[in-house]
C-alpha cells in the first residue's frame, strides 16, 4: 500500500473520530424530567419564596405530586396542595423563615407511570452557606481543549496528506 493510501485511511479515521467526539448526542428522554423551577436550583433569594413552581418535560398528575420543603434551620414548611396543568406544578407557602440554605425534595409520576424524584437547593438572605450546585451540563472547559486538539489533528493530517501527494506526484 502506498504512503498516500495509508495517509488517506488515517485521515478518514481521524475524521470519523472527530465527528463522533464533536457531534452532540441528544439525550434520550425515556422518562419525565425537571426542565425548570422557580426558584431555580442554586438561586439566591432576598426572602423566602411565596410560591414554588416546577416545570417537567411532560405532563404529571398533581394528585400524586409530593413536595417537601425544609428551611436552613431544618424545619419543614407547610405547603399548599400542589396544583398545575400539563407539565407545570405549583404550590404556595408562607414567605417566612430563616436565612440560609433551603432544600426542596420532589416526587412526581410521569405519563409513562415512572416516578421521578429530585432535590433543589436555594439560599435565602445573606448566608455563608453555599447554595446547591446546578445540574451539570453544557460545554465544559475541557471540551474546548478537546475541540482544539481535534482541529489541530485534522489540519495536520490534511497538510501531511497534501505533502505526501505532492511527493508522490514528483516521484512519478
Foldseek 3Di string as FASTA:
>chain_A
DDPLVVLVVVLVVLVVVLCVLPPDDDDDPPAKDWDAKVVGFQAEAQWADFKIKTFIPWFWDLVPKDKWKADPVRHTFDWARWDDDIRMIMIGGDGDDDWFKMKMWMWTAHPVRDIDIDMGIYTYRDDPHGTDDDDDDDDDPVVVVVNVVSVVVSVVSVVVSVVSVVVVVVVD
